[in-house]
Amino acid sequence: MAKYSKEFKYSIMMKMMSPLNQAVSEIARETGLSEATLHQWRKQARTKGMAVPSGRCLSS
């Protein structure tokens, strides 16, 4: 299992947030990380109180 720095993970989380709002699938293609890894990082960030998007569309 690869280890990534906190700084690297943070930079990835920032891509998921405004104003970039990049999709997990797009970041996975860009970085070579698996979507599962990115979803896990997002979940971990959320549990630590970081306001990362859920990836769900909330429009009607």
PDB file of N, CA and C in Angstrom:
ATOM      1  N   MET A   1       0.841  -1.185   0.000  1.00  0.00           N
ATOM      2  CA  MET A   1       0.000   0.000   0.000  1.00  0.00           C
ATOM      3  C   MET A   1       0.884   1.245   0.000  1.00  0.00           C
ATOM      4  N   ALA A   2       0.599   2.145  -0.914  1.00  0.00           N
ATOM      5  CA  ALA A   2       1.389   3.365  -1.036  1.00  0.00           C
ATOM      6  C   ALA A   2       1.012   4.348   0.066  1.00  0.00           C
ATOM      7  N   LYS A   3       2.002   5.100   0.517  1.00  0.00           N
ATOM      8  CA  LYS A   3       1.789   6.149   1.509  1.00  0.00           C
ATOM      9  C   LYS A   3       1.889   7.484   0.809  1.00  0.00           C
ATOM     10  N   TYR A   4       0.942   8.358   1.075  1.00  0.00           N
ATOM     11  CA  TYR A   4       0.942   9.690   0.493  1.00  0.00           C
ATOM     12  C   TYR A   4       1.015  10.713   1.617  1.00  0.00           C
ATOM     13  N   SER A   5       1.675  11.813   1.347  1.00  0.00           N
ATOM     14  CA  SER A   5       1.834  12.847   2.367  1.00  0.00           C
ATOM     15  C   SER A   5       0.493  13.537   2.638  1.00  0.00           C
ATOM     16  N   LYS A   6       0.405  14.144   3.813  1.00  0.00           N
ATOM     17  CA  LYS A   6      -0.782  14.905   4.163  1.00  0.00           C
ATOM     18  C   LYS A   6      -0.995  16.037   3.170  1.00  0.00           C
ATOM     19  N   GLU A   7       0.088  16.624   2.725  1.00  0.00           N
ATOM     20  CA  GLU A   7       0.023  17.738   1.775  1.00  0.00           C
ATOM     21  C   GLU A   7      -0.574  17.284   0.446  1.00  0.00           C
ATOM     22  N   PHE A   8      -0.157  16.097  -0.014  1.00  0.00           N
ATOM     23  CA  PHE A   8      -0.672  15.563  -1.268  1.00  0.00           C
ATOM     24  C   PHE A   8      -2.167  15.289  -1.143  1.00  0.00           C
ATOM     25  N   LYS A   9      -2.570  14.636  -0.059  1.00  0.00           N
ATOM     26  CA  LYS A   9      -3.985  14.331   0.156  1.00  0.00           C
ATOM     27  C   LYS A   9      -4.798  15.617   0.224  1.00  0.00           C
ATOM     28  N   TYR A  10      -4.263  16.621   0.912  1.00  0.00           N
ATOM     29  CA  TYR A  10      -4.960  17.900   1.025  1.00  0.00           C
ATOM     30  C   TYR A  10      -5.133  18.538  -0.354  1.00  0.00           C
ATOM     31  N   SER A  11      -4.097  18.465  -1.173  1.00  0.00           N
ATOM     32  CA  SER A  11      -4.189  19.059  -2.513  1.00  0.00           C
ATOM     33  C   SER A  11      -5.269  18.360  -3.343  1.00  0.00           C
ATOM     34  N   ILE A  12      -5.419  17.065  -3.154  1.00  0.00           N
ATOM     35  CA  ILE A  12      -6.461  16.314  -3.855  1.00  0.00           C
ATOM     36  C   ILE A  12      -7.841  16.727  -3.337  1.00  0.00           C
ATOM     37  N   MET A  13      -7.979  16.869  -2.023  1.00  0.00           N
ATOM     38  CA  MET A  13      -9.254  17.289  -1.440  1.00  0.00           C
ATOM     39  C   MET A  13      -9.654  18.675  -1.950  1.00  0.00           C
ATOM     40  N   MET A  14      -8.683  19.545  -2.116  1.00  0.00           N
ATOM     41  CA  MET A  14      -8.972  20.896  -2.595  1.00  0.00           C
ATOM     42  C   MET A  14      -9.521  20.869  -4.016  1.00  0.00           C
ATOM     43  N   LYS A  15      -9.124  19.885  -4.810  1.00  0.00           N
ATOM     44  CA  LYS A  15      -9.653  19.755  -6.174  1.00  0.00           C
ATOM     45  C   LYS A  15     -11.134  19.391  -6.152  1.00  0.00           C
ATOM     46  N   MET A  16     -11.578  18.712  -5.087  1.00  0.00           N
ATOM     47  CA  MET A  16     -12.973  18.302  -4.976  1.00  0.00           C
ATOM     48  C   MET A  16     -13.870  19.445  -4.517  1.00  0.00           C
ATOM     49  N   MET A  17     -13.266  20.499  -3.979  1.00  0.00           N
ATOM     50  CA  MET A  17     -14.032  21.598  -3.404  1.00  0.00           C
ATOM     51  C   MET A  17     -14.128  22.768  -4.377  1.00  0.00           C
ATOM     52  N   SER A  18     -15.013  23.717  -4.034  1.00  0.00           N
ATOM     53  CA  SER A  18     -15.152  24.939  -4.834  1.00  0.00           C
ATOM     54  C   SER A  18     -13.839  25.699  -4.842  1.00  0.00           C
ATOM     55  N   PRO A  19     -13.488  26.339  -5.880  1.00  0.00           N
ATOM     56  CA  PRO A  19     -14.261  26.539  -7.095  1.00  0.00           C
ATOM     57  C   PRO A  19     -14.050  25.445  -8.143  1.00  0.00           C
ATOM     58  N   LEU A  20     -13.132  24.515  -7.921  1.00  0.00           N
ATOM     59  CA  LEU A  20     -12.833  23.504  -8.941  1.00  0.00           C
ATOM     60  C   LEU A  20     -13.930  22.453  -9.070  1.00  0.00           C
ATOM     61  N   ASN A  21     -14.401  21.930  -7.953  1.00  0.00           N
ATOM     62  CA  ASN A  21     -15.467  20.914  -7.949  1.00  0.00           C
ATOM     63  C   ASN A  21     -15.216  19.779  -8.942  1.00  0.00           C
ATOM     64  N   GLN A  22     -13.993  19.266  -8.975  1.00  0.00           N
ATOM     65  CA  GLN A  22     -13.691  18.167  -9.889  1.00  0.00           C
ATOM     66  C   GLN A  22     -14.319  16.873  -9.397  1.00  0.00           C
ATOM     67  N   ALA A  23     -14.778  16.075 -10.319  1.00  0.00           N
ATOM     68  CA  ALA A  23     -15.369  14.774  -9.995  1.00  0.00           C
ATOM     69  C   ALA A  23     -14.267  13.793  -9.598  1.00  0.00           C
ATOM     70  N   VAL A  24     -14.632  12.847  -8.739  1.00  0.00           N
ATOM     71  CA  VAL A  24     -13.691  11.808  -8.309  1.00  0.00           C
ATOM     72  C   VAL A  24     -13.140  11.062  -9.526  1.00  0.00           C
ATOM     73  N   SER A  25     -14.007  10.749 -10.476  1.00  0.00           N
ATOM     74  CA  SER A  25     -13.561  10.012 -11.660  1.00  0.00           C
ATOM     75  C   SER A  25     -12.520  10.806 -12.455  1.00  0.00           C
ATOM     76  N   GLU A  26     -12.702  12.109 -12.539  1.00  0.00           N
ATOM     77  CA  GLU A  26     -11.761  12.969 -13.254  1.00  0.00           C
ATOM     78  C   GLU A  26     -10.411  13.024 -12.533  1.00  0.00           C
ATOM     79  N   ILE A  27     -10.446  13.161 -11.216  1.00  0.00           N
ATOM     80  CA  ILE A  27      -9.215  13.197 -10.428  1.00  0.00           C
ATOM     81  C   ILE A  27      -8.495  11.858 -10.525  1.00  0.00           C
ATOM     82  N   ALA A  28      -9.245  10.765 -10.513  1.00  0.00           N
ATOM     83  CA  ALA A  28      -8.644   9.427 -10.636  1.00  0.00           C
ATOM     84  C   ALA A  28      -7.911   9.292 -11.973  1.00  0.00           C
ATOM     85  N   ARG A  29      -8.537   9.734 -13.049  1.00  0.00           N
ATOM     86  CA  ARG A  29      -7.875   9.677 -14.368  1.00  0.00           C
ATOM     87  C   ARG A  29      -6.617  10.545 -14.379  1.00  0.00           C
ATOM     88  N   GLU A  30      -6.723  11.727 -13.796  1.00  0.00           N
ATOM     89  CA  GLU A  30      -5.627  12.692 -13.764  1.00  0.00           C
ATOM     90  C   GLU A  30      -4.417  12.196 -12.979  1.00  0.00           C
ATOM     91  N   THR A  31      -4.681  11.560 -11.829  1.00  0.00           N
ATOM     92  CA  THR A  31      -3.613  11.212 -10.891  1.00  0.00           C
ATOM     93  C   THR A  31      -3.177   9.752 -10.934  1.00  0.00           C
ATOM     94  N   GLY A  32      -4.050   8.886 -11.465  1.00  0.00           N
ATOM     95  CA  GLY A  32      -3.749   7.458 -11.445  1.00  0.00           C
ATOM     96  C   GLY A  32      -4.155   6.787 -10.146  1.00  0.00           C
ATOM     97  N   LEU A  33      -4.763   7.550  -9.234  1.00  0.00           N
ATOM     98  CA  LEU A  33      -5.275   6.971  -7.992  1.00  0.00           C
ATOM     99  C   LEU A  33      -6.607   6.287  -8.288  1.00  0.00           C
ATOM    100  N   SER A  34      -6.940   5.281  -7.512  1.00  0.00           N
ATOM    101  CA  SER A  34      -8.224   4.619  -7.733  1.00  0.00           C
ATOM    102  C   SER A  34      -9.351   5.472  -7.163  1.00  0.00           C
ATOM    103  N   GLU A  35     -10.534   5.311  -7.741  1.00  0.00           N
ATOM    104  CA  GLU A  35     -11.695   6.031  -7.235  1.00  0.00           C
ATOM    105  C   GLU A  35     -11.996   5.612  -5.799  1.00  0.00           C
ATOM    106  N   ALA A  36     -11.775   4.343  -5.491  1.00  0.00           N
ATOM    107  CA  ALA A  36     -12.015   3.858  -4.128  1.00  0.00           C
ATOM    108  C   ALA A  36     -11.124   4.594  -3.130  1.00  0.00           C
ATOM    109  N   THR A  37      -9.867   4.805  -3.490  1.00  0.00           N
ATOM    110  CA  THR A  37      -8.944   5.542  -2.622  1.00  0.00           C
ATOM    111  C   THR A  37      -9.442   6.970  -2.414  1.00  0.00           C
ATOM    112  N   LEU A  38      -9.860   7.608  -3.485  1.00  0.00           N
ATOM    113  CA  LEU A  38     -10.336   8.987  -3.390  1.00  0.00           C
ATOM    114  C   LEU A  38     -11.606   9.084  -2.544  1.00  0.00           C
ATOM    115  N   HIS A  39     -12.509   8.129  -2.706  1.00  0.00           N
ATOM    116  CA  HIS A  39     -13.723   8.123  -1.882  1.00  0.00           C
ATOM    117  C   HIS A  39     -13.362   7.932  -0.410  1.00  0.00           C
ATOM    118  N   GLN A  40     -12.393   7.081  -0.143  1.00  0.00           N
ATOM    119  CA  GLN A  40     -11.961   6.840   1.243  1.00  0.00           C
ATOM    120  C   GLN A  40     -11.340   8.103   1.833  1.00  0.00           C
ATOM    121  N   TRP A  41     -10.493   8.773   1.071  1.00  0.00           N
ATOM    122  CA  TRP A  41      -9.878  10.017   1.545  1.00  0.00           C
ATOM    123  C   TRP A  41     -10.944  11.060   1.839  1.00  0.00           C
ATOM    124  N   ARG A  42     -11.955  11.154   0.955  1.00  0.00           N
ATOM    125  CA  ARG A  42     -13.034  12.123   1.150  1.00  0.00           C
ATOM    126  C   ARG A  42     -13.810  11.797   2.420  1.00  0.00           C
ATOM    127  N   LYS A  43     -14.075  10.515   2.648  1.00  0.00           N
ATOM    128  CA  LYS A  43     -14.784  10.086   3.850  1.00  0.00           C
ATOM    129  C   LYS A  43     -13.975  10.428   5.102  1.00  0.00           C
ATOM    130  N   GLN A  44     -12.669  10.168   5.059  1.00  0.00           N
ATOM    131  CA  GLN A  44     -11.802  10.487   6.193  1.00  0.00           C
ATOM    132  C   GLN A  44     -11.761  11.993   6.462  1.00  0.00           C
ATOM    133  N   ALA A  45     -11.705  12.784   5.406  1.00  0.00           N
ATOM    134  CA  ALA A  45     -11.680  14.242   5.553  1.00  0.00           C
ATOM    135  C   ALA A  45     -12.986  14.721   6.190  1.00  0.00           C
ATOM    136  N   ARG A  46     -14.103  14.141   5.782  1.00  0.00           N
ATOM    137  CA  ARG A  46     -15.395  14.512   6.334  1.00  0.00           C
ATOM    138  C   ARG A  46     -15.464  14.201   7.824  1.00  0.00           C
ATOM    139  N   THR A  47     -14.936  13.044   8.231  1.00  0.00           N
ATOM    140  CA  THR A  47     -14.979  12.678   9.651  1.00  0.00           C
ATOM    141  C   THR A  47     -14.095  13.590  10.490  1.00  0.00           C
ATOM    142  N   LYS A  48     -13.120  14.229   9.852  1.00  0.00           N
ATOM    143  CA  LYS A  48     -12.245  15.179  10.558  1.00  0.00           C
ATOM    144  C   LYS A  48     -12.804  16.601  10.516  1.00  0.00           C
ATOM    145  N   GLY A  49     -14.002  16.764   9.936  1.00  0.00           N
ATOM    146  CA  GLY A  49     -14.659  18.052   9.922  1.00  0.00           C
ATOM    147  C   GLY A  49     -14.429  18.903   8.691  1.00  0.00           C
ATOM    148  N   MET A  50     -13.737  18.372   7.713  1.00  0.00           N
ATOM    149  CA  MET A  50     -13.507  19.125   6.476  1.00  0.00           C
ATOM    150  C   MET A  50     -14.784  19.080   5.636  1.00  0.00           C
ATOM    151  N   ALA A  51     -15.188  20.224   5.116  1.00  0.00           N
ATOM    152  CA  ALA A  51     -16.437  20.310   4.348  1.00  0.00           C
ATOM    153  C   ALA A  51     -16.191  19.945   2.892  1.00  0.00           C
ATOM    154  N   VAL A  52     -16.109  18.658   2.615  1.00  0.00           N
ATOM    155  CA  VAL A  52     -15.926  18.195   1.238  1.00  0.00           C
ATOM    156  C   VAL A  52     -17.274  17.756   0.684  1.00  0.00           C
ATOM    157  N   PRO A  53     -17.497  17.966  -0.611  1.00  0.00           N
ATOM    158  CA  PRO A  53     -18.795  17.602  -1.191  1.00  0.00           C
ATOM    159  C   PRO A  53     -19.028  16.099  -1.160  1.00  0.00           C
ATOM    160  N   SER A  54     -20.298  15.742  -1.129  1.00  0.00           N
ATOM    161  CA  SER A  54     -20.665  14.327  -1.068  1.00  0.00           C
ATOM    162  C   SER A  54     -20.586  13.662  -2.427  1.00  0.00           C
ATOM    163  N   GLY A  55     -20.638  14.467  -3.483  1.00  0.00           N
ATOM    164  CA  GLY A  55     -20.641  13.889  -4.828  1.00  0.00           C
ATOM    165  C   GLY A  55     -22.031  13.627  -5.341  1.00  0.00           C
ATOM    166  N   ARG A  56     -23.037  13.907  -4.511  1.00  0.00           N
ATOM    167  CA  ARG A  56     -24.435  13.708  -4.900  1.00  0.00           C
ATOM    168  C   ARG A  56     -25.009  15.006  -5.401  1.00  0.00           C
ATOM    169  N   CYS A  57     -25.823  14.907  -6.401  1.00  0.00           N
ATOM    170  CA  CYS A  57     -26.513  16.077  -6.954  1.00  0.00           C
ATOM    171  C   CYS A  57     -27.706  16.404  -6.064  1.00  0.00           C
ATOM    172  N   LEU A  58     -27.793  17.640  -5.591  1.00  0.00           N
ATOM    173  CA  LEU A  58     -28.874  18.032  -4.703  1.00  0.00           C
ATOM    174  C   LEU A  58     -29.947  18.844  -5.408  1.00  0.00           C
ATOM    175  N   SER A  59     -29.829  19.019  -6.724  1.00  0.00           N
ATOM    176  CA  SER A  59     -30.833  19.793  -7.446  1.00  0.00           C
ATOM    177  C   SER A  59     -32.102  18.982  -7.634  1.00  0.00           C
ATOM    178  N   SER A  60     -33.208  19.656  -7.871  1.00  0.00           N
ATOM    179  CA  SER A  60     -34.500  18.974  -7.993  1.00  0.00           C
ATOM    180  C   SER A  60     -34.688  18.294  -9.281  1.00  0.00           C
TER     181      SER A  60
END
